[in-house]
């Protein structure tokens, strides 16, 4: 595997498996750290505030995922474009591509911030937030909305580095943010008694630090990254803007669709009271942990398949998906076994409330039903992103979210009268609606005939 700078890595030649493993590991660890400091919010609030505080953080953090998905969708489009520019040997376009991406993302961040701060209360009412958790959830959501510029900015720079094949530096940035977040959680919640609002403030400040550090890093390495930071380079290029929007909007709609469906299930469970809401929040955090860790493999597949698709190396694209299935399948089997054998102990990390702990043996086995589908999706979704087929990914997301997750949760939970158990069954089964079509497309569709987005 050749290397032309300390940032850009070329995956179009050389041994692939161990290169992919080395590339994936920093993503996996950094994603795990992001979830850990999100879990730290719930853990510390649960210990010092109680179940109502934990429910507030759970509900509000789910609400903040929607604007985060907007950031992730648009920056993923940028990652795909940058990776294909490198694979196609068109590095002279990196300056305009990065400058255009930065301008678009920062404009969207401003819009999302204003909407989030203005509509925080209404959004929580739509989610049927329990009354005893409402004030804490509002404070958390309002503060996180005010700090969206940092979340958008950090995801923006991380996407640029991922597209260039740099997994190491984003990992170090998130380590710093994680440590700062936990320390500020303890200070604001345990020390100052700020409750869920303190957790939100800790999250915003830690993300802000990660953004500033990553921005300084990119500035210092502007010669290697291809972006010179000159004022004229921030001017959006019309053609590049069109490509980024064609990629980013479907990705955004895809991520948002899945998130909205999860919010729908969350709103159904919130009507059952604080204990089910808190228990579901813990389950989502544990599920998010394994999902985000394995998503590091998906990020690697996206960059590797993007570079090789643009270079015409289709066999290497296939190999990256096969390797992803092997890595993720092993990981989900090990973690799923631990969760199945020790459900109360896993919930006990967050709370000692017996009304919440007793639900662990019901929730954990149901969540495990979608682990095989998640393992499949990490390969196929990364592949779809890498080759730039954002529209098909959106169709799969609509099937997953709006058709099956919403439909099945309503069917089992309300129509069949299974309540909490039914909501969770629908939540878990919906994942297969993306996994199976993704397999069919990968094996049988002539995806290798698609033009690269850089053409």
Protein backbone atom coordinates (compact mmCIF):
# COMPACT_ATOMS: atom_id res chain seq x y z
CA UNK A 1 0.00 0.00 0.00
CA UNK A 2 1.65 3.20 -1.12
CA UNK A 3 1.72 6.37 0.90
CA UNK A 4 2.37 9.87 -0.44
CA UNK A 5 1.95 11.82 2.79
CA UNK A 6 1.23 11.32 6.46
CA UNK A 7 -2.49 11.91 5.79
CA UNK A 8 -3.39 10.41 2.42
CA UNK A 9 -3.34 6.60 2.07
CA UNK A 10 -3.84 4.78 -1.22
CA UNK A 11 -5.76 1.49 -0.92
CA UNK A 12 -5.83 0.69 -4.63
CA UNK A 13 -2.82 -1.63 -4.39
CA UNK A 14 -0.99 -3.82 -1.91
CA UNK A 15 -2.24 -6.34 0.70
CA UNK A 16 -5.84 -5.50 1.57
CA UNK A 17 -6.94 -7.50 4.62
CA UNK A 18 -4.41 -6.30 7.19
CA UNK A 19 -4.41 -2.83 5.68
CA UNK A 20 -8.18 -2.78 6.15
CA UNK A 21 -7.89 -4.06 9.74
CA UNK A 22 -5.31 -1.41 10.62
CA UNK A 23 -7.47 1.23 8.96
CA UNK A 24 -10.64 0.03 10.74
CA UNK A 25 -9.28 -0.22 14.28
CA UNK A 26 -8.87 3.52 14.96
CA UNK A 27 -12.40 4.10 13.65
CA UNK A 28 -13.73 1.31 15.85
CA UNK A 29 -11.99 2.65 18.95
CA UNK A 30 -12.94 6.27 18.27
CA UNK A 31 -16.59 5.30 17.68
CA UNK A 32 -16.53 3.29 20.90
CA UNK A 33 -15.20 6.31 22.77
CA UNK A 34 -17.97 8.49 21.33
CA UNK A 35 -20.54 6.04 22.66
CA UNK A 36 -18.74 5.70 25.98
CA UNK A 37 -18.88 9.39 26.68
CA UNK A 38 -22.53 9.37 25.61
CA UNK A 39 -23.06 6.48 28.02
CA UNK A 40 -21.17 8.44 30.67
CA UNK A 41 -23.93 11.06 30.54
CA UNK A 42 -26.55 8.44 31.37
CA UNK A 43 -24.36 6.64 33.92
CA UNK A 44 -23.50 9.76 35.91
CA UNK A 45 -27.00 11.23 35.65
CA UNK A 46 -28.48 7.88 36.66
CA UNK A 47 -26.28 7.73 39.74
CA UNK A 48 -26.67 11.34 40.88
CA UNK A 49 -30.15 12.28 39.62
CA UNK A 50 -32.12 9.03 39.29
CA UNK A 51 -34.26 7.23 36.70
CA UNK A 52 -36.12 10.37 35.65
CA UNK A 53 -32.82 12.09 34.87
CA UNK A 54 -31.61 9.05 32.97
CA UNK A 55 -34.85 8.98 30.96
CA UNK A 56 -34.42 12.70 30.22
CA UNK A 57 -30.90 12.21 28.84
CA UNK A 58 -32.01 9.14 26.87
CA UNK A 59 -34.93 10.93 25.21
CA UNK A 60 -33.08 14.20 24.55
CA UNK A 61 -29.99 12.49 23.18
CA UNK A 62 -32.20 10.54 20.79
CA UNK A 63 -33.66 13.88 19.69
CA UNK A 64 -30.19 15.34 19.08
CA UNK A 65 -29.44 12.41 16.79
CA UNK A 66 -31.69 13.86 14.09
CA UNK A 67 -29.58 16.99 13.41
CA UNK A 68 -26.47 14.86 13.91
CA UNK A 69 -27.72 12.63 11.10
CA UNK A 70 -27.96 15.72 8.87
CA UNK A 71 -24.30 16.44 9.61
CA UNK A 72 -23.31 12.83 9.09
CA UNK A 73 -25.22 12.54 5.82
CA UNK A 74 -23.69 15.62 4.20
CA UNK A 75 -20.17 14.86 5.43
CA UNK A 76 -20.46 11.25 4.23
CA UNK A 77 -21.12 12.64 0.77
CA UNK A 78 -17.91 14.63 1.13
CA UNK A 79 -16.00 11.56 2.27
CA UNK A 80 -17.14 9.56 -0.76
CA UNK A 81 -16.22 12.35 -3.18
CA UNK A 82 -12.76 12.84 -1.65
CA UNK A 83 -12.00 9.11 -1.60
CA UNK A 84 -12.97 8.81 -5.27
CA UNK A 85 -10.86 11.84 -6.21
CA UNK A 86 -7.86 10.11 -4.64
CA UNK A 87 -8.66 6.77 -6.29
CA UNK A 88 -9.05 8.44 -9.67
CA UNK A 89 -5.77 10.35 -9.27
CA UNK A 90 -7.46 13.77 -9.34
CA UNK A 91 -5.88 15.28 -6.24
CA UNK A 92 -5.66 18.72 -7.80
CA UNK A 93 -9.40 19.05 -7.14
CA UNK A 94 -9.08 18.48 -3.38
CA UNK A 95 -8.76 22.17 -2.53
CA UNK A 96 -12.04 23.13 -4.18
CA UNK A 97 -13.78 19.99 -2.92
CA UNK A 98 -12.83 20.57 0.73
CA UNK A 99 -13.56 24.30 0.62
CA UNK A 100 -16.98 23.72 -0.92
CA UNK A 101 -17.80 21.02 1.63
CA UNK A 102 -16.80 23.28 4.52
CA UNK A 103 -18.96 26.16 3.30
CA UNK A 104 -22.04 23.97 2.80
CA UNK A 105 -21.69 22.24 6.16
CA UNK A 106 -21.21 25.41 8.18
CA UNK A 107 -24.26 27.01 6.55
CA UNK A 108 -26.36 23.96 7.42
CA UNK A 109 -25.02 23.98 10.97
CA UNK A 110 -26.30 27.53 11.47
CA UNK A 111 -29.75 26.61 10.17
CA UNK A 112 -30.00 23.47 12.31
CA UNK A 113 -28.89 25.38 15.41
CA UNK A 114 -31.64 27.97 15.03
CA UNK A 115 -34.31 25.33 14.41
CA UNK A 116 -33.15 23.14 17.29
CA UNK A 117 -33.12 25.93 19.86
CA UNK A 118 -36.49 27.25 18.73
CA UNK A 119 -38.33 23.94 18.55
CA UNK A 120 -36.78 21.95 21.41
CA UNK A 121 -39.88 22.01 23.60
CA UNK A 122 -42.29 21.11 20.79
CA UNK A 123 -40.10 18.25 19.69
CA UNK A 124 -40.04 16.73 23.18
CA UNK A 125 -43.84 16.97 23.39
CA UNK A 126 -44.13 15.11 20.10
CA UNK A 127 -42.00 12.36 21.65
CA UNK A 128 -44.44 12.06 24.60
CA UNK A 129 -41.67 12.86 27.07
CA UNK A 130 -42.81 11.90 30.61
CA UNK A 131 -43.64 14.98 32.68
CA UNK A 132 -41.08 14.22 35.40
CA UNK A 133 -38.32 14.01 32.76
CA UNK A 134 -39.42 16.94 30.59
CA UNK A 135 -37.47 19.81 32.20
CA UNK A 136 -34.19 17.89 32.23
CA UNK A 137 -34.69 16.73 28.65
CA UNK A 138 -35.43 20.29 27.51
CA UNK A 139 -32.26 21.69 29.10
CA UNK A 140 -30.14 18.93 27.55
CA UNK A 141 -31.67 19.33 24.08
CA UNK A 142 -31.53 23.16 24.07
CA UNK A 143 -27.87 23.23 25.10
CA UNK A 144 -26.86 20.56 22.56
CA UNK A 145 -28.77 22.43 19.83
CA UNK A 146 -26.83 25.58 20.65
CA UNK A 147 -23.57 23.67 20.17
CA UNK A 148 -24.44 22.04 16.82
CA UNK A 149 -21.73 24.05 15.08
CA UNK A 150 -19.14 21.95 16.90
CA UNK A 151 -20.83 18.64 16.05
CA UNK A 152 -21.12 19.59 12.38
CA UNK A 153 -17.57 20.94 12.30
CA UNK A 154 -15.96 17.89 13.87
CA UNK A 155 -17.85 15.49 11.58
CA UNK A 156 -16.85 17.65 8.62
CA UNK A 157 -13.12 17.43 9.27
CA UNK A 158 -13.30 13.75 10.25
CA UNK A 159 -15.02 12.98 6.93
CA UNK A 160 -12.26 14.72 5.01
CA UNK A 161 -9.59 12.74 6.85
CA UNK A 162 -11.51 9.45 6.42
CA UNK A 163 -11.82 10.06 2.71
CA UNK A 164 -8.05 10.53 2.56
CA UNK A 165 -7.48 7.27 4.40
CA UNK A 166 -6.44 8.84 7.71
CA UNK A 167 -8.01 6.99 10.64
CA UNK A 168 -5.34 7.67 13.25
CA UNK A 169 -5.75 11.39 13.87
CA UNK A 170 -9.56 11.43 14.33
CA UNK A 171 -9.00 8.72 16.94
CA UNK A 172 -6.71 10.95 18.98
CA UNK A 173 -9.11 13.86 18.69
CA UNK A 174 -11.98 11.81 20.09
CA UNK A 175 -9.83 10.46 22.95
CA UNK A 176 -9.30 14.02 24.11
CA UNK A 177 -13.00 14.82 23.76
CA UNK A 178 -14.01 11.69 25.68
CA UNK A 179 -11.76 12.42 28.64
CA UNK A 180 -12.91 16.04 28.77
CA UNK A 181 -16.58 14.98 28.56
CA UNK A 182 -16.36 12.58 31.49
CA UNK A 183 -14.48 15.08 33.66
CA UNK A 184 -17.01 17.82 32.87
CA UNK A 185 -19.90 15.42 33.53
CA UNK A 186 -18.56 14.79 37.02
CA UNK A 187 -17.95 18.50 37.57
CA UNK A 188 -21.32 19.75 36.33
CA UNK A 189 -23.55 16.92 37.59
CA UNK A 190 -21.86 15.52 40.69
CA UNK A 191 -20.15 18.76 41.68
CA UNK A 192 -22.52 21.57 40.66
CA UNK A 193 -25.78 19.55 40.65
CA UNK A 194 -26.75 20.74 37.16
CA UNK A 195 -28.55 17.49 36.24
CA UNK A 196 -29.24 16.62 32.58
CA UNK A 197 -28.44 20.19 31.51
CA UNK A 198 -24.92 19.70 32.87
CA UNK A 199 -24.57 16.55 30.77
CA UNK A 200 -25.59 18.51 27.68
CA UNK A 201 -23.10 21.28 28.45
CA UNK A 202 -20.31 18.73 28.94
CA UNK A 203 -21.14 17.16 25.58
CA UNK A 204 -21.09 20.50 23.74
CA UNK A 205 -17.82 21.68 25.30
CA UNK A 206 -16.04 18.37 24.62
CA UNK A 207 -17.22 18.39 20.99
CA UNK A 208 -16.04 21.98 20.70
CA UNK A 209 -12.56 21.02 21.87
CA UNK A 210 -12.44 18.12 19.37
CA UNK A 211 -13.49 20.47 16.56
CA UNK A 212 -10.90 23.13 17.38
CA UNK A 213 -8.06 20.61 17.71
CA UNK A 214 -8.97 18.88 14.44
CA UNK A 215 -9.25 22.24 12.63
CA UNK A 216 -5.80 23.30 13.88
CA UNK A 217 -4.40 19.93 12.77
CA UNK A 218 -5.80 20.29 9.27
CA UNK A 219 -4.46 23.85 9.05
CA UNK A 220 -0.96 22.73 10.06
CA UNK A 221 -1.10 19.95 7.44
CA UNK A 222 -2.67 22.07 4.71
CA UNK A 223 0.15 21.25 2.30
CA UNK A 224 -0.45 17.50 2.63
CA UNK A 225 -4.27 17.63 2.73
CA UNK A 226 -4.57 19.75 -0.40
CA UNK A 227 -6.64 22.50 1.29
CA UNK A 228 -4.79 25.81 1.63
CA UNK A 229 -7.32 27.61 3.92
CA UNK A 230 -7.15 30.75 1.77
CA UNK A 231 -10.32 32.85 1.75
CA UNK A 232 -10.98 32.28 -1.96
CA UNK A 233 -10.89 28.51 -1.41
CA UNK A 234 -13.97 28.70 0.82
CA UNK A 235 -16.05 29.93 -2.12
CA UNK A 236 -18.37 27.06 -3.16
CA UNK A 237 -17.71 25.60 -6.59
CA UNK A 238 -21.00 25.16 -8.47
CA UNK A 239 -20.20 21.78 -10.03
CA UNK A 240 -18.72 20.34 -6.85
CA UNK A 241 -21.65 21.67 -4.82
CA UNK A 242 -23.98 19.83 -7.18
CA UNK A 243 -22.09 16.55 -6.71
CA UNK A 244 -21.91 16.94 -2.93
CA UNK A 245 -25.62 17.67 -2.69
CA UNK A 246 -26.48 14.78 -4.99
CA UNK A 247 -24.55 12.51 -2.63
CA UNK A 248 -25.22 14.24 0.66
CA UNK A 249 -28.99 14.79 0.47
CA UNK A 250 -29.83 11.10 -0.07
CA UNK A 251 -27.36 10.11 2.66
CA UNK A 252 -28.93 12.69 4.98
CA UNK A 253 -32.46 11.51 4.20
CA UNK A 254 -31.33 7.93 4.70
CA UNK A 255 -29.82 8.53 8.14
CA UNK A 256 -32.67 10.84 9.16
CA UNK A 257 -35.30 8.32 8.06
CA UNK A 258 -33.85 5.62 10.27
CA UNK A 259 -33.49 8.08 13.15
CA UNK A 260 -37.09 9.27 12.81
CA UNK A 261 -38.33 5.70 12.92
CA UNK A 262 -36.31 5.12 16.09
CA UNK A 263 -37.81 8.28 17.59
CA UNK A 264 -41.27 6.92 16.74
CA UNK A 265 -40.56 3.71 18.65
CA UNK A 266 -39.10 5.79 21.47
CA UNK A 267 -42.28 7.90 21.63
CA UNK A 268 -44.40 4.73 21.89
CA UNK A 269 -42.28 3.43 24.74
CA UNK A 270 -42.31 6.81 26.51
CA UNK A 271 -46.08 6.48 26.92
CA UNK A 272 -45.46 3.44 29.14
CA UNK A 273 -43.69 5.48 31.84
CA UNK A 274 -40.25 6.34 33.19
CA UNK A 275 -38.98 2.81 33.89
CA UNK A 276 -39.62 1.42 30.38
CA UNK A 277 -38.20 4.65 28.88
CA UNK A 278 -35.06 4.33 31.01
CA UNK A 279 -34.71 0.60 30.23
CA UNK A 280 -35.10 1.24 26.51
CA UNK A 281 -32.56 4.04 26.75
CA UNK A 282 -30.02 1.65 28.28
CA UNK A 283 -30.73 -0.94 25.58
CA UNK A 284 -30.23 1.68 22.88
CA UNK A 285 -26.93 2.76 24.46
CA UNK A 286 -25.65 -0.83 24.57
CA UNK A 287 -26.88 -1.42 21.03
CA UNK A 288 -25.29 1.83 19.93
CA UNK A 289 -21.99 0.75 21.43
CA UNK A 290 -21.67 -2.43 19.37
CA UNK A 291 -23.23 -0.76 16.33
CA UNK A 292 -20.85 2.18 16.38
CA UNK A 293 -17.78 0.03 17.02
CA UNK A 294 -18.60 -2.16 14.03
CA UNK A 295 -19.40 0.98 12.05
CA UNK A 296 -15.67 1.62 12.06
CA UNK A 297 -15.41 -1.31 9.64
CA UNK A 298 -18.16 0.22 7.49
CA UNK A 299 -16.23 3.52 7.34
CA UNK A 300 -13.16 1.63 6.17
CA UNK A 301 -15.16 -0.23 3.50
CA UNK A 302 -16.60 3.08 2.30
CA UNK A 303 -13.17 4.66 1.76
CA UNK A 304 -11.56 1.51 0.33
CA UNK A 305 -14.42 0.71 -2.04
CA UNK A 306 -14.65 4.38 -3.07
CA UNK A 307 -10.98 4.53 -4.03
CA UNK A 308 -11.03 1.18 -5.83
CA UNK A 309 -14.32 1.78 -7.62
CA UNK A 310 -12.94 5.03 -9.05
CA UNK A 311 -9.75 3.17 -10.01
CA UNK A 312 -11.69 0.31 -11.65
CA UNK A 313 -10.40 -2.33 -9.18
CA UNK A 314 -13.74 -4.07 -8.67
CA UNK A 315 -12.31 -7.28 -7.21
CA UNK A 316 -10.77 -5.28 -4.36
CA UNK A 317 -14.18 -3.70 -3.76
CA UNK A 318 -15.67 -7.20 -3.37
CA UNK A 319 -12.88 -8.33 -1.07
CA UNK A 320 -13.40 -5.34 1.24
CA UNK A 321 -17.05 -6.39 1.73
CA UNK A 322 -16.13 -10.02 2.38
CA UNK A 323 -13.54 -9.00 4.96
CA UNK A 324 -16.07 -6.68 6.64
CA UNK A 325 -18.55 -9.56 7.03
CA UNK A 326 -15.91 -11.76 8.59
CA UNK A 327 -14.70 -9.10 11.05
CA UNK A 328 -18.18 -7.88 12.04
CA UNK A 329 -19.69 -11.36 12.25
CA UNK A 330 -17.04 -12.43 14.76
CA UNK A 331 -17.44 -9.24 16.76
CA UNK A 332 -21.25 -9.43 17.00
CA UNK A 333 -21.14 -13.08 18.04
CA UNK A 334 -18.75 -12.40 20.93
CA UNK A 335 -20.56 -9.30 22.20
CA UNK A 336 -24.00 -10.86 21.74
CA UNK A 337 -22.98 -13.85 23.84
CA UNK A 338 -21.82 -11.59 26.67
CA UNK A 339 -25.05 -9.55 26.60
CA UNK A 340 -27.22 -12.67 26.53
CA UNK A 341 -25.47 -14.27 29.49
CA UNK A 342 -25.25 -11.15 31.69
CA UNK A 343 -28.23 -8.83 30.94
CA UNK A 344 -28.80 -7.58 34.51
CA UNK A 345 -25.10 -6.91 34.98
CA UNK A 346 -25.00 -4.83 31.80
CA UNK A 347 -28.01 -2.78 32.90
CA UNK A 348 -26.53 -2.55 36.38
CA UNK A 349 -23.71 -0.43 35.00
CA UNK A 350 -26.22 2.40 34.63
CA UNK A 351 -28.70 1.97 37.47
CA UNK A 352 -29.66 -0.03 40.55
CA UNK A 353 -33.39 0.65 40.08
CA UNK A 354 -35.03 -2.80 40.26
CA UNK A 355 -37.97 -1.70 38.09
CA UNK A 356 -35.46 -1.03 35.30
CA UNK A 357 -33.19 -4.02 35.92
CA UNK A 358 -36.05 -6.50 35.76
CA UNK A 359 -36.73 -5.45 32.15
CA UNK A 360 -33.21 -6.39 31.02
CA UNK A 361 -34.01 -10.07 30.53
CA UNK A 362 -36.89 -9.07 28.23
CA UNK A 363 -35.12 -6.41 26.18
CA UNK A 364 -31.66 -7.89 25.58
CA UNK A 365 -32.71 -11.13 23.79
CA UNK A 366 -34.98 -9.15 21.44
CA UNK A 367 -32.23 -6.69 20.54
CA UNK A 368 -29.90 -9.60 19.74
CA UNK A 369 -32.24 -10.72 16.94
CA UNK A 370 -30.94 -8.02 14.63
CA UNK A 371 -27.21 -8.56 15.23
CA UNK A 372 -26.73 -10.86 12.19
CA UNK A 373 -28.45 -8.25 10.02
CA UNK A 374 -26.21 -5.50 11.42
CA UNK A 375 -23.12 -7.57 10.60
CA UNK A 376 -24.29 -7.91 6.99
CA UNK A 377 -25.15 -4.22 6.71
CA UNK A 378 -21.70 -3.02 7.77
CA UNK A 379 -20.27 -4.51 4.60
CA UNK A 380 -23.06 -3.71 2.15
CA UNK A 381 -23.81 -0.19 3.44
CA UNK A 382 -20.14 0.77 3.38
CA UNK A 383 -19.96 -0.59 -0.16
CA UNK A 384 -23.04 1.40 -1.26
CA UNK A 385 -21.57 4.57 0.21
CA UNK A 386 -18.19 4.00 -1.37
CA UNK A 387 -19.48 3.52 -4.92
CA UNK A 388 -21.68 6.60 -4.48
CA UNK A 389 -25.09 4.89 -4.77
CA UNK A 390 -26.75 7.17 -2.24
CA UNK A 391 -30.22 6.89 -3.76
CA UNK A 392 -30.41 3.12 -3.33
CA UNK A 393 -29.19 3.50 0.24
CA UNK A 394 -32.07 5.92 0.82
CA UNK A 395 -34.58 3.40 -0.57
CA UNK A 396 -33.22 0.75 1.78
CA UNK A 397 -33.48 3.19 4.70
CA UNK A 398 -37.12 3.95 3.90
CA UNK A 399 -37.85 0.22 3.90
CA UNK A 400 -35.97 -0.21 7.17
CA UNK A 401 -37.36 2.83 8.95
CA UNK A 402 -40.69 4.07 7.72
CA UNK A 403 -42.10 0.83 6.32
CA UNK A 404 -40.87 -1.90 8.64
CA UNK A 405 -39.70 -0.28 11.91
CA UNK A 406 -42.74 1.98 12.17
CA UNK A 407 -45.11 -0.60 10.71
CA UNK A 408 -43.93 -3.62 12.66
CA UNK A 409 -43.64 -1.72 15.96
CA UNK A 410 -47.21 -0.50 15.56
CA UNK A 411 -48.41 -3.96 14.49
CA UNK A 412 -46.85 -5.94 17.35
CA UNK A 413 -47.05 -3.27 20.03
CA UNK A 414 -50.50 -1.77 19.43
CA UNK A 415 -52.45 -4.02 17.06
CA UNK A 416 -51.30 -7.25 18.74
CA UNK A 417 -51.41 -5.62 22.18
CA UNK A 418 -47.86 -6.72 23.10
CA UNK A 419 -46.89 -3.22 24.34
CA UNK A 420 -43.18 -2.93 25.23
CA UNK A 421 -42.24 -6.37 23.91
CA UNK A 422 -44.04 -5.72 20.62
CA UNK A 423 -42.42 -2.33 20.11
CA UNK A 424 -39.00 -3.91 20.54
CA UNK A 425 -39.74 -6.84 18.21
CA UNK A 426 -40.67 -4.39 15.46
CA UNK A 427 -37.55 -2.35 16.19
CA UNK A 428 -35.28 -5.39 15.83
CA UNK A 429 -36.90 -7.09 12.84
CA UNK A 430 -36.80 -3.92 10.73
CA UNK A 431 -33.01 -4.14 10.35
CA UNK A 432 -33.40 -7.15 8.09
CA UNK A 433 -35.28 -4.97 5.59
CA UNK A 434 -31.95 -3.32 4.73
CA UNK A 435 -29.67 -6.34 5.13
CA UNK A 436 -31.44 -8.66 2.67
CA UNK A 437 -31.87 -6.15 -0.23
CA UNK A 438 -28.25 -5.08 0.29
CA UNK A 439 -27.08 -8.66 -0.17
CA UNK A 440 -29.15 -9.06 -3.33
CA UNK A 441 -27.75 -5.86 -4.85
CA UNK A 442 -24.14 -6.76 -4.00
CA UNK A 443 -24.30 -10.26 -5.48
CA UNK A 444 -26.61 -9.81 -8.46
CA UNK A 445 -26.74 -6.16 -9.63
CA UNK A 446 -24.22 -4.82 -12.21
CA UNK A 447 -22.96 -2.16 -9.81
CA UNK A 448 -19.50 -2.27 -11.41
CA UNK A 449 -20.95 -0.41 -14.42
CA UNK A 450 -21.67 2.71 -12.35
CA UNK A 451 -19.59 5.74 -13.19
CA UNK A 452 -17.47 7.26 -10.46
CA UNK A 453 -18.84 10.52 -9.06
CA UNK A 454 -15.60 12.21 -10.15
CA UNK A 455 -16.24 11.48 -13.86
